[in-house]
Amino acid sequence: MNKETIKEQTVQNMEALGIYKEQYDRMIDVYAELIHQYLTLNKQFAESGYQCQVGTDSGGAKKAPIVATLENLRRDILAYSDRLCLNPKAIETVTTQQKGKSMLAEVLGGMK
């Protein structure tokens, strides 16, 4: 899955939720890039046999750099998904766009 496909799917999801605005495209680009990086690194991590630790010069073990990078990407993705209202917790706090007349238009239209 490439960055453009991820962006298109994100826009489609946001449109379905009634929260997409073209002003969000720059933020969606960053989100799509983060998702793409995460998927690419996660594939590499799987191919490595999910090696979580690497050896140190002193003979000990430490967290593999790819694990730390994946953790950071998860945090960043969560932050962007919150801002874009793409998770259940974030969408609860947003009033979505309704197709058709706005509530104000309906109220004003009823005042004849």
PDB file of N, CA and C in Angstrom:
ATOM      1  N   MET A   1       0.855  -1.171   0.000  1.00  0.00           N
ATOM      2  CA  MET A   1       0.000   0.000   0.000  1.00  0.00           C
ATOM      3  C   MET A   1       0.900   1.233   0.000  1.00  0.00           C
ATOM      4  N   ASN A   2       0.649   2.128  -0.954  1.00  0.00           N
ATOM      5  CA  ASN A   2       1.483   3.327  -1.032  1.00  0.00           C
ATOM      6  C   ASN A   2       0.797   4.517  -0.352  1.00  0.00           C
ATOM      7  N   LYS A   3       1.533   5.602  -0.239  1.00  0.00           N
ATOM      8  CA  LYS A   3       1.056   6.784   0.476  1.00  0.00           C
ATOM      9  C   LYS A   3      -0.217   7.352  -0.153  1.00  0.00           C
ATOM     10  N   GLU A   4      -0.278   7.388  -1.474  1.00  0.00           N
ATOM     11  CA  GLU A   4      -1.454   7.952  -2.147  1.00  0.00           C
ATOM     12  C   GLU A   4      -2.706   7.116  -1.885  1.00  0.00           C
ATOM     13  N   THR A   5      -2.566   5.804  -1.877  1.00  0.00           N
ATOM     14  CA  THR A   5      -3.702   4.927  -1.576  1.00  0.00           C
ATOM     15  C   THR A   5      -4.190   5.151  -0.152  1.00  0.00           C
ATOM     16  N   ILE A   6      -3.251   5.285   0.776  1.00  0.00           N
ATOM     17  CA  ILE A   6      -3.603   5.538   2.177  1.00  0.00           C
ATOM     18  C   ILE A   6      -4.328   6.877   2.291  1.00  0.00           C
ATOM     19  N   LYS A   7      -3.836   7.898   1.584  1.00  0.00           N
ATOM     20  CA  LYS A   7      -4.469   9.216   1.621  1.00  0.00           C
ATOM     21  C   LYS A   7      -5.886   9.142   1.063  1.00  0.00           C
ATOM     22  N   GLU A   8      -6.059   8.462  -0.073  1.00  0.00           N
ATOM     23  CA  GLU A   8      -7.383   8.341  -0.684  1.00  0.00           C
ATOM     24  C   GLU A   8      -8.354   7.634   0.255  1.00  0.00           C
ATOM     25  N   GLN A   9      -7.906   6.556   0.892  1.00  0.00           N
ATOM     26  CA  GLN A   9      -8.771   5.834   1.821  1.00  0.00           C
ATOM     27  C   GLN A   9      -9.111   6.694   3.038  1.00  0.00           C
ATOM     28  N   THR A  10      -8.152   7.469   3.508  1.00  0.00           N
ATOM     29  CA  THR A  10      -8.393   8.353   4.649  1.00  0.00           C
ATOM     30  C   THR A  10      -9.438   9.404   4.302  1.00  0.00           C
ATOM     31  N   VAL A  11      -9.309  10.013   3.137  1.00  0.00           N
ATOM     32  CA  VAL A  11     -10.282  11.013   2.696  1.00  0.00           C
ATOM     33  C   VAL A  11     -11.665  10.377   2.567  1.00  0.00           C
ATOM     34  N   GLN A  12     -11.734   9.183   1.987  1.00  0.00           N
ATOM     35  CA  GLN A  12     -13.016   8.484   1.851  1.00  0.00           C
ATOM     36  C   GLN A  12     -13.636   8.203   3.220  1.00  0.00           C
ATOM     37  N   ASN A  13     -12.813   7.769   4.166  1.00  0.00           N
ATOM     38  CA  ASN A  13     -13.313   7.500   5.515  1.00  0.00           C
ATOM     39  C   ASN A  13     -13.836   8.779   6.169  1.00  0.00           C
ATOM     40  N   MET A  14     -13.087   9.870   5.996  1.00  0.00           N
ATOM     41  CA  MET A  14     -13.510  11.137   6.591  1.00  0.00           C
ATOM     42  C   MET A  14     -14.787  11.654   5.933  1.00  0.00           C
ATOM     43  N   GLU A  15     -14.906  11.483   4.622  1.00  0.00           N
ATOM     44  CA  GLU A  15     -16.135  11.886   3.929  1.00  0.00           C
ATOM     45  C   GLU A  15     -17.322  11.066   4.435  1.00  0.00           C
ATOM     46  N   ALA A  16     -17.113   9.775   4.616  1.00  0.00           N
ATOM     47  CA  ALA A  16     -18.190   8.913   5.117  1.00  0.00           C
ATOM     48  C   ALA A  16     -18.631   9.334   6.518  1.00  0.00           C
ATOM     49  N   LEU A  17     -17.695   9.838   7.311  1.00  0.00           N
ATOM     50  CA  LEU A  17     -18.015  10.304   8.666  1.00  0.00           C
ATOM     51  C   LEU A  17     -18.554  11.735   8.671  1.00  0.00           C
ATOM     52  N   GLY A  18     -18.468  12.411   7.526  1.00  0.00           N
ATOM     53  CA  GLY A  18     -18.933  13.790   7.429  1.00  0.00           C
ATOM     54  C   GLY A  18     -17.994  14.796   8.061  1.00  0.00           C
ATOM     55  N   ILE A  19     -16.694  14.476   8.099  1.00  0.00           N
ATOM     56  CA  ILE A  19     -15.735  15.365   8.762  1.00  0.00           C
ATOM     57  C   ILE A  19     -14.624  15.864   7.842  1.00  0.00           C
ATOM     58  N   TYR A  20     -14.665  15.502   6.560  1.00  0.00           N
ATOM     59  CA  TYR A  20     -13.592  15.899   5.654  1.00  0.00           C
ATOM     60  C   TYR A  20     -13.767  17.348   5.194  1.00  0.00           C
ATOM     61  N   LYS A  21     -12.656  18.077   5.197  1.00  0.00           N
ATOM     62  CA  LYS A  21     -12.566  19.397   4.579  1.00  0.00           C
ATOM     63  C   LYS A  21     -11.236  19.437   3.845  1.00  0.00           C
ATOM     64  N   GLU A  22     -11.225  20.062   2.701  1.00  0.00           N
ATOM     65  CA  GLU A  22      -9.994  20.077   1.904  1.00  0.00           C
ATOM     66  C   GLU A  22      -8.865  20.815   2.618  1.00  0.00           C
ATOM     67  N   GLN A  23      -9.187  21.658   3.576  1.00  0.00           N
ATOM     68  CA  GLN A  23      -8.164  22.352   4.356  1.00  0.00           C
ATOM     69  C   GLN A  23      -7.340  21.368   5.187  1.00  0.00           C
ATOM     70  N   TYR A  24      -7.826  20.165   5.398  1.00  0.00           N
ATOM     71  CA  TYR A  24      -7.119  19.155   6.185  1.00  0.00           C
ATOM     72  C   TYR A  24      -6.118  18.356   5.352  1.00  0.00           C
ATOM     73  N   ASP A  25      -6.037  18.613   4.055  1.00  0.00           N
ATOM     74  CA  ASP A  25      -5.208  17.788   3.168  1.00  0.00           C
ATOM     75  C   ASP A  25      -3.745  17.719   3.592  1.00  0.00           C
ATOM     76  N   ARG A  26      -3.187  18.814   4.057  1.00  0.00           N
ATOM     77  CA  ARG A  26      -1.778  18.801   4.471  1.00  0.00           C
ATOM     78  C   ARG A  26      -1.589  17.859   5.654  1.00  0.00           C
ATOM     79  N   MET A  27      -2.505  17.915   6.599  1.00  0.00           N
ATOM     80  CA  MET A  27      -2.421  17.033   7.761  1.00  0.00           C
ATOM     81  C   MET A  27      -2.665  15.580   7.347  1.00  0.00           C
ATOM     82  N   ILE A  28      -3.548  15.374   6.390  1.00  0.00           N
ATOM     83  CA  ILE A  28      -3.819  14.023   5.889  1.00  0.00           C
ATOM     84  C   ILE A  28      -2.578  13.471   5.197  1.00  0.00           C
ATOM     85  N   ASP A  29      -1.831  14.337   4.482  1.00  0.00           N
ATOM     86  CA  ASP A  29      -0.578  13.909   3.842  1.00  0.00           C
ATOM     87  C   ASP A  29       0.405  13.383   4.884  1.00  0.00           C
ATOM     88  N   VAL A  30       0.562  14.105   5.968  1.00  0.00           N
ATOM     89  CA  VAL A  30       1.487  13.686   7.029  1.00  0.00           C
ATOM     90  C   VAL A  30       1.008  12.370   7.639  1.00  0.00           C
ATOM     91  N   TYR A  31      -0.284  12.271   7.911  1.00  0.00           N
ATOM     92  CA  TYR A  31      -0.869  11.046   8.468  1.00  0.00           C
ATOM     93  C   TYR A  31      -0.622   9.855   7.536  1.00  0.00           C
ATOM     94  N   ALA A  32      -0.850  10.061   6.247  1.00  0.00           N
ATOM     95  CA  ALA A  32      -0.638   8.987   5.273  1.00  0.00           C
ATOM     96  C   ALA A  32       0.827   8.556   5.237  1.00  0.00           C
ATOM     97  N   GLU A  33       1.737   9.522   5.322  1.00  0.00           N
ATOM     98  CA  GLU A  33       3.168   9.205   5.351  1.00  0.00           C
ATOM     99  C   GLU A  33       3.515   8.389   6.598  1.00  0.00           C
ATOM    100  N   LEU A  34       2.974   8.767   7.745  1.00  0.00           N
ATOM    101  CA  LEU A  34       3.224   8.020   8.984  1.00  0.00           C
ATOM    102  C   LEU A  34       2.718   6.580   8.874  1.00  0.00           C
ATOM    103  N   ILE A  35       1.517   6.414   8.338  1.00  0.00           N
ATOM    104  CA  ILE A  35       0.949   5.069   8.158  1.00  0.00           C
ATOM    105  C   ILE A  35       1.835   4.262   7.209  1.00  0.00           C
ATOM    106  N   HIS A  36       2.266   4.891   6.119  1.00  0.00           N
ATOM    107  CA  HIS A  36       3.127   4.197   5.150  1.00  0.00           C
ATOM    108  C   HIS A  36       4.439   3.758   5.800  1.00  0.00           C
ATOM    109  N   GLN A  37       5.061   4.659   6.559  1.00  0.00           N
ATOM    110  CA  GLN A  37       6.302   4.306   7.253  1.00  0.00           C
ATOM    111  C   GLN A  37       6.064   3.152   8.233  1.00  0.00           C
ATOM    112  N   TYR A  38       4.965   3.232   8.958  1.00  0.00           N
ATOM    113  CA  TYR A  38       4.653   2.188   9.940  1.00  0.00           C
ATOM    114  C   TYR A  38       4.483   0.835   9.251  1.00  0.00           C
ATOM    115  N   LEU A  39       3.724   0.795   8.166  1.00  0.00           N
ATOM    116  CA  LEU A  39       3.501  -0.474   7.457  1.00  0.00           C
ATOM    117  C   LEU A  39       4.809  -1.031   6.896  1.00  0.00           C
ATOM    118  N   THR A  40       5.648  -0.152   6.353  1.00  0.00           N
ATOM    119  CA  THR A  40       6.937  -0.579   5.794  1.00  0.00           C
ATOM    120  C   THR A  40       7.843  -1.149   6.886  1.00  0.00           C
ATOM    121  N   LEU A  41       7.963  -0.425   8.002  1.00  0.00           N
ATOM    122  CA  LEU A  41       8.822  -0.900   9.096  1.00  0.00           C
ATOM    123  C   LEU A  41       8.256  -2.151   9.770  1.00  0.00           C
ATOM    124  N   ASN A  42       6.943  -2.224   9.863  1.00  0.00           N
ATOM    125  CA  ASN A  42       6.335  -3.398  10.476  1.00  0.00           C
ATOM    126  C   ASN A  42       6.600  -4.645   9.627  1.00  0.00           C
ATOM    127  N   LYS A  43       6.601  -4.482   8.308  1.00  0.00           N
ATOM    128  CA  LYS A  43       6.924  -5.599   7.411  1.00  0.00           C
ATOM    129  C   LYS A  43       8.383  -6.031   7.626  1.00  0.00           C
ATOM    130  N   GLN A  44       9.289  -5.051   7.733  1.00  0.00           N
ATOM    131  CA  GLN A  44      10.700  -5.371   7.986  1.00  0.00           C
ATOM    132  C   GLN A  44      10.865  -6.071   9.331  1.00  0.00           C
ATOM    133  N   PHE A  45      10.119  -5.616  10.321  1.00  0.00           N
ATOM    134  CA  PHE A  45      10.171  -6.210  11.661  1.00  0.00           C
ATOM    135  C   PHE A  45       9.703  -7.666  11.604  1.00  0.00           C
ATOM    136  N   ALA A  46       8.651  -7.919  10.866  1.00  0.00           N
ATOM    137  CA  ALA A  46       8.152  -9.294  10.714  1.00  0.00           C
ATOM    138  C   ALA A  46       9.179 -10.159   9.992  1.00  0.00           C
ATOM    139  N   GLU A  47       9.789  -9.603   8.945  1.00  0.00           N
ATOM    140  CA  GLU A  47      10.792 -10.353   8.188  1.00  0.00           C
ATOM    141  C   GLU A  47      12.029 -10.675   9.029  1.00  0.00           C
ATOM    142  N   SER A  48      12.288  -9.860  10.050  1.00  0.00           N
ATOM    143  CA  SER A  48      13.435 -10.107  10.924  1.00  0.00           C
ATOM    144  C   SER A  48      13.105 -11.160  11.987  1.00  0.00           C
ATOM    145  N   GLY A  49      11.880 -11.668  11.947  1.00  0.00           N
ATOM    146  CA  GLY A  49      11.472 -12.644  12.956  1.00  0.00           C
ATOM    147  C   GLY A  49      11.053 -11.984  14.254  1.00  0.00           C
ATOM    148  N   TYR A  50      10.642 -10.728  14.165  1.00  0.00           N
ATOM    149  CA  TYR A  50      10.216  -9.943  15.338  1.00  0.00           C
ATOM    150  C   TYR A  50      11.305  -9.896  16.406  1.00  0.00           C
ATOM    151  N   GLN A  51      12.513  -9.631  15.955  1.00  0.00           N
ATOM    152  CA  GLN A  51      13.640  -9.515  16.875  1.00  0.00           C
ATOM    153  C   GLN A  51      13.490  -8.229  17.680  1.00  0.00           C
ATOM    154  N   CYS A  52      13.179  -8.374  18.959  1.00  0.00           N
ATOM    155  CA  CYS A  52      12.884  -7.228  19.831  1.00  0.00           C
ATOM    156  C   CYS A  52      14.125  -6.649  20.500  1.00  0.00           C
ATOM    157  N   GLN A  53      15.170  -7.446  20.612  1.00  0.00           N
ATOM    158  CA  GLN A  53      16.375  -6.982  21.300  1.00  0.00           C
ATOM    159  C   GLN A  53      17.594  -7.179  20.417  1.00  0.00           C
ATOM    160  N   VAL A  54      18.571  -6.309  20.639  1.00  0.00           N
ATOM    161  CA  VAL A  54      19.862  -6.429  19.962  1.00  0.00           C
ATOM    162  C   VAL A  54      20.942  -6.395  21.025  1.00  0.00           C
ATOM    163  N   GLY A  55      22.069  -6.955  20.699  1.00  0.00           N
ATOM    164  CA  GLY A  55      23.182  -6.983  21.648  1.00  0.00           C
ATOM    165  C   GLY A  55      23.879  -5.640  21.752  1.00  0.00           C
ATOM    166  N   THR A  56      24.469  -5.406  22.906  1.00  0.00           N
ATOM    167  CA  THR A  56      25.256  -4.191  23.126  1.00  0.00           C
ATOM    168  C   THR A  56      26.734  -4.561  23.113  1.00  0.00           C
ATOM    169  N   ASP A  57      27.590  -3.550  23.059  1.00  0.00           N
ATOM    170  CA  ASP A  57      29.033  -3.793  23.065  1.00  0.00           C
ATOM    171  C   ASP A  57      29.491  -4.451  24.366  1.00  0.00           C
ATOM    172  N   SER A  58      28.767  -4.181  25.448  1.00  0.00           N
ATOM    173  CA  SER A  58      29.156  -4.740  26.750  1.00  0.00           C
ATOM    174  C   SER A  58      28.589  -6.141  26.985  1.00  0.00           C
ATOM    175  N   GLY A  59      27.923  -6.688  25.974  1.00  0.00           N
ATOM    176  CA  GLY A  59      27.414  -8.051  26.095  1.00  0.00           C
ATOM    177  C   GLY A  59      25.982  -8.148  26.583  1.00  0.00           C
ATOM    178  N   GLY A  60      25.349  -7.026  26.873  1.00  0.00           N
ATOM    179  CA  GLY A  60      23.958  -7.027  27.311  1.00  0.00           C
ATOM    180  C   GLY A  60      23.013  -6.968  26.121  1.00  0.00           C
ATOM    181  N   ALA A  61      21.780  -6.674  26.418  1.00  0.00           N
ATOM    182  CA  ALA A  61      20.776  -6.551  25.362  1.00  0.00           C
ATOM    183  C   ALA A  61      19.992  -5.258  25.571  1.00  0.00           C
ATOM    184  N   LYS A  62      19.542  -4.693  24.465  1.00  0.00           N
ATOM    185  CA  LYS A  62      18.704  -3.488  24.537  1.00  0.00           C
ATOM    186  C   LYS A  62      17.623  -3.606  23.482  1.00  0.00           C
ATOM    187  N   LYS A  63      16.622  -2.739  23.605  1.00  0.00           N
ATOM    188  CA  LYS A  63      15.505  -2.727  22.660  1.00  0.00           C
ATOM    189  C   LYS A  63      16.035  -2.442  21.261  1.00  0.00           C
ATOM    190  N   ALA A  64      15.561  -3.211  20.304  1.00  0.00           N
ATOM    191  CA  ALA A  64      15.971  -3.005  18.918  1.00  0.00           C
ATOM    192  C   ALA A  64      15.501  -1.637  18.430  1.00  0.00           C
ATOM    193  N   PRO A  65      16.310  -0.926  17.671  1.00  0.00           N
ATOM    194  CA  PRO A  65      15.921   0.400  17.166  1.00  0.00           C
ATOM    195  C   PRO A  65      14.602   0.393  16.399  1.00  0.00           C
ATOM    196  N   ILE A  66      14.336  -0.680  15.662  1.00  0.00           N
ATOM    197  CA  ILE A  66      13.093  -0.731  14.897  1.00  0.00           C
ATOM    198  C   ILE A  66      11.875  -0.771  15.824  1.00  0.00           C
ATOM    199  N   VAL A  67      12.016  -1.392  16.992  1.00  0.00           N
ATOM    200  CA  VAL A  67      10.913  -1.453  17.960  1.00  0.00           C
ATOM    201  C   VAL A  67      10.620  -0.049  18.497  1.00  0.00           C
ATOM    202  N   ALA A  68      11.659   0.675  18.836  1.00  0.00           N
ATOM    203  CA  ALA A  68      11.482   2.044  19.331  1.00  0.00           C
ATOM    204  C   ALA A  68      10.855   2.927  18.255  1.00  0.00           C
ATOM    205  N   THR A  69      11.277   2.764  17.023  1.00  0.00           N
ATOM    206  CA  THR A  69      10.724   3.555  15.924  1.00  0.00           C
ATOM    207  C   THR A  69       9.247   3.228  15.717  1.00  0.00           C
ATOM    208  N   LEU A  70       8.902   1.947  15.768  1.00  0.00           N
ATOM    209  CA  LEU A  70       7.499   1.554  15.622  1.00  0.00           C
ATOM    210  C   LEU A  70       6.644   2.124  16.757  1.00  0.00           C
ATOM    211  N   GLU A  71       7.174   2.109  17.966  1.00  0.00           N
ATOM    212  CA  GLU A  71       6.436   2.674  19.107  1.00  0.00           C
ATOM    213  C   GLU A  71       6.182   4.167  18.902  1.00  0.00           C
ATOM    214  N   ASN A  72       7.201   4.894  18.450  1.00  0.00           N
ATOM    215  CA  ASN A  72       7.044   6.331  18.195  1.00  0.00           C
ATOM    216  C   ASN A  72       6.045   6.599  17.071  1.00  0.00           C
ATOM    217  N   LEU A  73       6.108   5.782  16.032  1.00  0.00           N
ATOM    218  CA  LEU A  73       5.155   5.947  14.934  1.00  0.00           C
ATOM    219  C   LEU A  73       3.723   5.692  15.413  1.00  0.00           C
ATOM    220  N   ARG A  74       3.532   4.680  16.264  1.00  0.00           N
ATOM    221  CA  ARG A  74       2.188   4.411  16.805  1.00  0.00           C
ATOM    222  C   ARG A  74       1.654   5.626  17.564  1.00  0.00           C
ATOM    223  N   ARG A  75       2.501   6.230  18.381  1.00  0.00           N
ATOM    224  CA  ARG A  75       2.079   7.424  19.134  1.00  0.00           C
ATOM    225  C   ARG A  75       1.725   8.572  18.192  1.00  0.00           C
ATOM    226  N   ASP A  76       2.561   8.775  17.176  1.00  0.00           N
ATOM    227  CA  ASP A  76       2.298   9.850  16.219  1.00  0.00           C
ATOM    228  C   ASP A  76       1.014   9.588  15.427  1.00  0.00           C
ATOM    229  N   ILE A  77       0.822   8.353  15.011  1.00  0.00           N
ATOM    230  CA  ILE A  77      -0.390   7.987  14.267  1.00  0.00           C
ATOM    231  C   ILE A  77      -1.625   8.213  15.129  1.00  0.00           C
ATOM    232  N   LEU A  78      -1.542   7.831  16.395  1.00  0.00           N
ATOM    233  CA  LEU A  78      -2.665   8.051  17.303  1.00  0.00           C
ATOM    234  C   LEU A  78      -2.969   9.541  17.444  1.00  0.00           C
ATOM    235  N   ALA A  79      -1.941  10.356  17.578  1.00  0.00           N
ATOM    236  CA  ALA A  79      -2.141  11.805  17.708  1.00  0.00           C
ATOM    237  C   ALA A  79      -2.806  12.376  16.454  1.00  0.00           C
ATOM    238  N   TYR A  80      -2.335  11.969  15.282  1.00  0.00           N
ATOM    239  CA  TYR A  80      -2.934  12.468  14.042  1.00  0.00           C
ATOM    240  C   TYR A  80      -4.343  11.927  13.852  1.00  0.00           C
ATOM    241  N   SER A  81      -4.583  10.676  14.206  1.00  0.00           N
ATOM    242  CA  SER A  81      -5.933  10.127  14.063  1.00  0.00           C
ATOM    243  C   SER A  81      -6.900  10.845  14.994  1.00  0.00           C
ATOM    244  N   ASP A  82      -6.423  11.279  16.164  1.00  0.00           N
ATOM    245  CA  ASP A  82      -7.255  12.094  17.054  1.00  0.00           C
ATOM    246  C   ASP A  82      -7.603  13.420  16.388  1.00  0.00           C
ATOM    247  N   ARG A  83      -6.610  14.099  15.839  1.00  0.00           N
ATOM    248  CA  ARG A  83      -6.838  15.405  15.224  1.00  0.00           C
ATOM    249  C   ARG A  83      -7.748  15.310  14.006  1.00  0.00           C
ATOM    250  N   LEU A  84      -7.649  14.202  13.283  1.00  0.00           N
ATOM    251  CA  LEU A  84      -8.472  14.009  12.092  1.00  0.00           C
ATOM    252  C   LEU A  84      -9.801  13.325  12.414  1.00  0.00           C
ATOM    253  N   CYS A  85     -10.029  13.018  13.690  1.00  0.00           N
ATOM    254  CA  CYS A  85     -11.277  12.376  14.172  1.00  0.00           C
ATOM    255  C   CYS A  85     -11.510  11.023  13.515  1.00  0.00           C
ATOM    256  N   LEU A  86     -10.456  10.239  13.428  1.00  0.00           N
ATOM    257  CA  LEU A  86     -10.535   8.936  12.775  1.00  0.00           C
ATOM    258  C   LEU A  86     -10.556   7.775  13.760  1.00  0.00           C
ATOM    259  N   ASN A  87     -10.850   8.057  15.002  1.00  0.00           N
ATOM    260  CA  ASN A  87     -11.000   6.958  15.961  1.00  0.00           C
ATOM    261  C   ASN A  87     -12.250   7.224  16.794  1.00  0.00           C
ATOM    262  N   PRO A  88     -12.810   6.189  17.393  1.00  0.00           N
ATOM    263  CA  PRO A  88     -14.087   6.335  18.106  1.00  0.00           C
ATOM    264  C   PRO A  88     -14.066   7.390  19.211  1.00  0.00           C
ATOM    265  N   LYS A  89     -12.992   7.496  19.948  1.00  0.00           N
ATOM    266  CA  LYS A  89     -12.913   8.456  21.047  1.00  0.00           C
ATOM    267  C   LYS A  89     -12.965   9.889  20.528  1.00  0.00           C
ATOM    268  N   ALA A  90     -12.226  10.175  19.467  1.00  0.00           N
ATOM    269  CA  ALA A  90     -12.170  11.531  18.930  1.00  0.00           C
ATOM    270  C   ALA A  90     -13.474  11.933  18.246  1.00  0.00           C
ATOM    271  N   ILE A  91     -14.119  11.010  17.548  1.00  0.00           N
ATOM    272  CA  ILE A  91     -15.337  11.349  16.808  1.00  0.00           C
ATOM    273  C   ILE A  91     -16.482  11.693  17.747  1.00  0.00           C
ATOM    274  N   GLU A  92     -16.441  11.194  18.989  1.00  0.00           N
ATOM    275  CA  GLU A  92     -17.494  11.503  19.962  1.00  0.00           C
ATOM    276  C   GLU A  92     -17.554  12.984  20.303  1.00  0.00           C
ATOM    277  N   THR A  93     -16.431  13.673  20.167  1.00  0.00           N
ATOM    278  CA  THR A  93     -16.362  15.079  20.576  1.00  0.00           C
ATOM    279  C   THR A  93     -16.638  16.049  19.430  1.00  0.00           C
ATOM    280  N   VAL A  94     -16.993  15.537  18.256  1.00  0.00           N
ATOM    281  CA  VAL A  94     -17.144  16.382  17.077  1.00  0.00           C
ATOM    282  C   VAL A  94     -18.581  16.345  16.577  1.00  0.00           C
ATOM    283  N   THR A  95     -19.061  17.498  16.140  1.00  0.00           N
ATOM    284  CA  THR A  95     -20.344  17.558  15.454  1.00  0.00           C
ATOM    285  C   THR A  95     -20.047  17.404  13.976  1.00  0.00           C
ATOM    286  N   THR A  96     -20.561  16.358  13.369  1.00  0.00           N
ATOM    287  CA  THR A  96     -20.270  16.093  11.963  1.00  0.00           C
ATOM    288  C   THR A  96     -21.197  16.881  11.054  1.00  0.00           C
ATOM    289  N   GLN A  97     -20.765  17.050   9.816  1.00  0.00           N
ATOM    290  CA  GLN A  97     -21.561  17.749   8.819  1.00  0.00           C
ATOM    291  C   GLN A  97     -22.727  16.858   8.424  1.00  0.00           C
ATOM    292  N   GLN A  98     -23.875  17.464   8.241  1.00  0.00           N
ATOM    293  CA  GLN A  98     -25.034  16.718   7.780  1.00  0.00           C
ATOM    294  C   GLN A  98     -25.303  17.096   6.335  1.00  0.00           C
ATOM    295  N   LYS A  99     -25.626  16.110   5.530  1.00  0.00           N
ATOM    296  CA  LYS A  99     -25.987  16.406   4.152  1.00  0.00           C
ATOM    297  C   LYS A  99     -27.375  17.028   4.163  1.00  0.00           C
ATOM    298  N   GLY A 100     -27.566  18.004   3.330  1.00  0.00           N
ATOM    299  CA  GLY A 100     -28.848  18.686   3.308  1.00  0.00           C
ATOM    300  C   GLY A 100     -28.747  20.001   4.047  1.00  0.00           C
ATOM    301  N   LYS A 101     -29.861  20.454   4.582  1.00  0.00           N
ATOM    302  CA  LYS A 101     -29.904  21.749   5.256  1.00  0.00           C
ATOM    303  C   LYS A 101     -29.250  21.691   6.625  1.00  0.00           C
ATOM    304  N   SER A 102     -28.630  22.790   6.985  1.00  0.00           N
ATOM    305  CA  SER A 102     -28.091  22.906   8.328  1.00  0.00           C
ATOM    306  C   SER A 102     -29.247  23.153   9.286  1.00  0.00           C
ATOM    307  N   MET A 103     -28.976  22.948  10.574  1.00  0.00           N
ATOM    308  CA  MET A 103     -30.009  23.162  11.580  1.00  0.00           C
ATOM    309  C   MET A 103     -30.470  24.634  11.550  1.00  0.00           C
ATOM    310  N   LEU A 104     -29.553  25.566  11.371  1.00  0.00           N
ATOM    311  CA  LEU A 104     -29.902  26.979  11.303  1.00  0.00           C
ATOM    312  C   LEU A 104     -30.827  27.249  10.123  1.00  0.00           C
ATOM    313  N   ALA A 105     -30.522  26.655   8.978  1.00  0.00           N
ATOM    314  CA  ALA A 105     -31.362  26.841   7.791  1.00  0.00           C
ATOM    315  C   ALA A 105     -32.751  26.277   8.037  1.00  0.00           C
ATOM    316  N   GLU A 106     -32.836  25.146   8.705  1.00  0.00           N
ATOM    317  CA  GLU A 106     -34.139  24.553   9.000  1.00  0.00           C
ATOM    318  C   GLU A 106     -34.945  25.449   9.933  1.00  0.00           C
ATOM    319  N   VAL A 107     -34.295  25.985  10.982  1.00  0.00           N
ATOM    320  CA  VAL A 107     -34.993  26.858  11.929  1.00  0.00           C
ATOM    321  C   VAL A 107     -35.456  28.127  11.235  1.00  0.00           C
ATOM    322  N   LEU A 108     -34.570  28.738  10.463  1.00  0.00           N
ATOM    323  CA  LEU A 108     -34.941  29.973   9.747  1.00  0.00           C
ATOM    324  C   LEU A 108     -36.014  29.705   8.703  1.00  0.00           C
ATOM    325  N   GLY A 109     -35.961  28.551   8.072  1.00  0.00           N
ATOM    326  CA  GLY A 109     -36.976  28.198   7.078  1.00  0.00           C
ATOM    327  C   GLY A 109     -38.338  27.979   7.706  1.00  0.00           C
ATOM    328  N   GLY A 110     -38.376  27.571   8.956  1.00  0.00           N
ATOM    329  CA  GLY A 110     -39.638  27.346   9.650  1.00  0.00           C
ATOM    330  C   GLY A 110     -40.243  28.612  10.221  1.00  0.00           C
ATOM    331  N   MET A 111     -39.591  29.743  10.088  1.00  0.00           N
ATOM    332  CA  MET A 111     -40.065  30.998  10.663  1.00  0.00           C
ATOM    333  C   MET A 111     -40.824  31.853   9.636  1.00  0.00           C
ATOM    334  N   LYS A 112     -41.611  31.262   8.814  1.00  0.00           N
ATOM    335  CA  LYS A 112     -42.354  32.006   7.775  1.00  0.00           C
ATOM    336  C   LYS A 112     -43.632  32.575   8.308  1.00  0.00           C
TER     337      LYS A 112
END
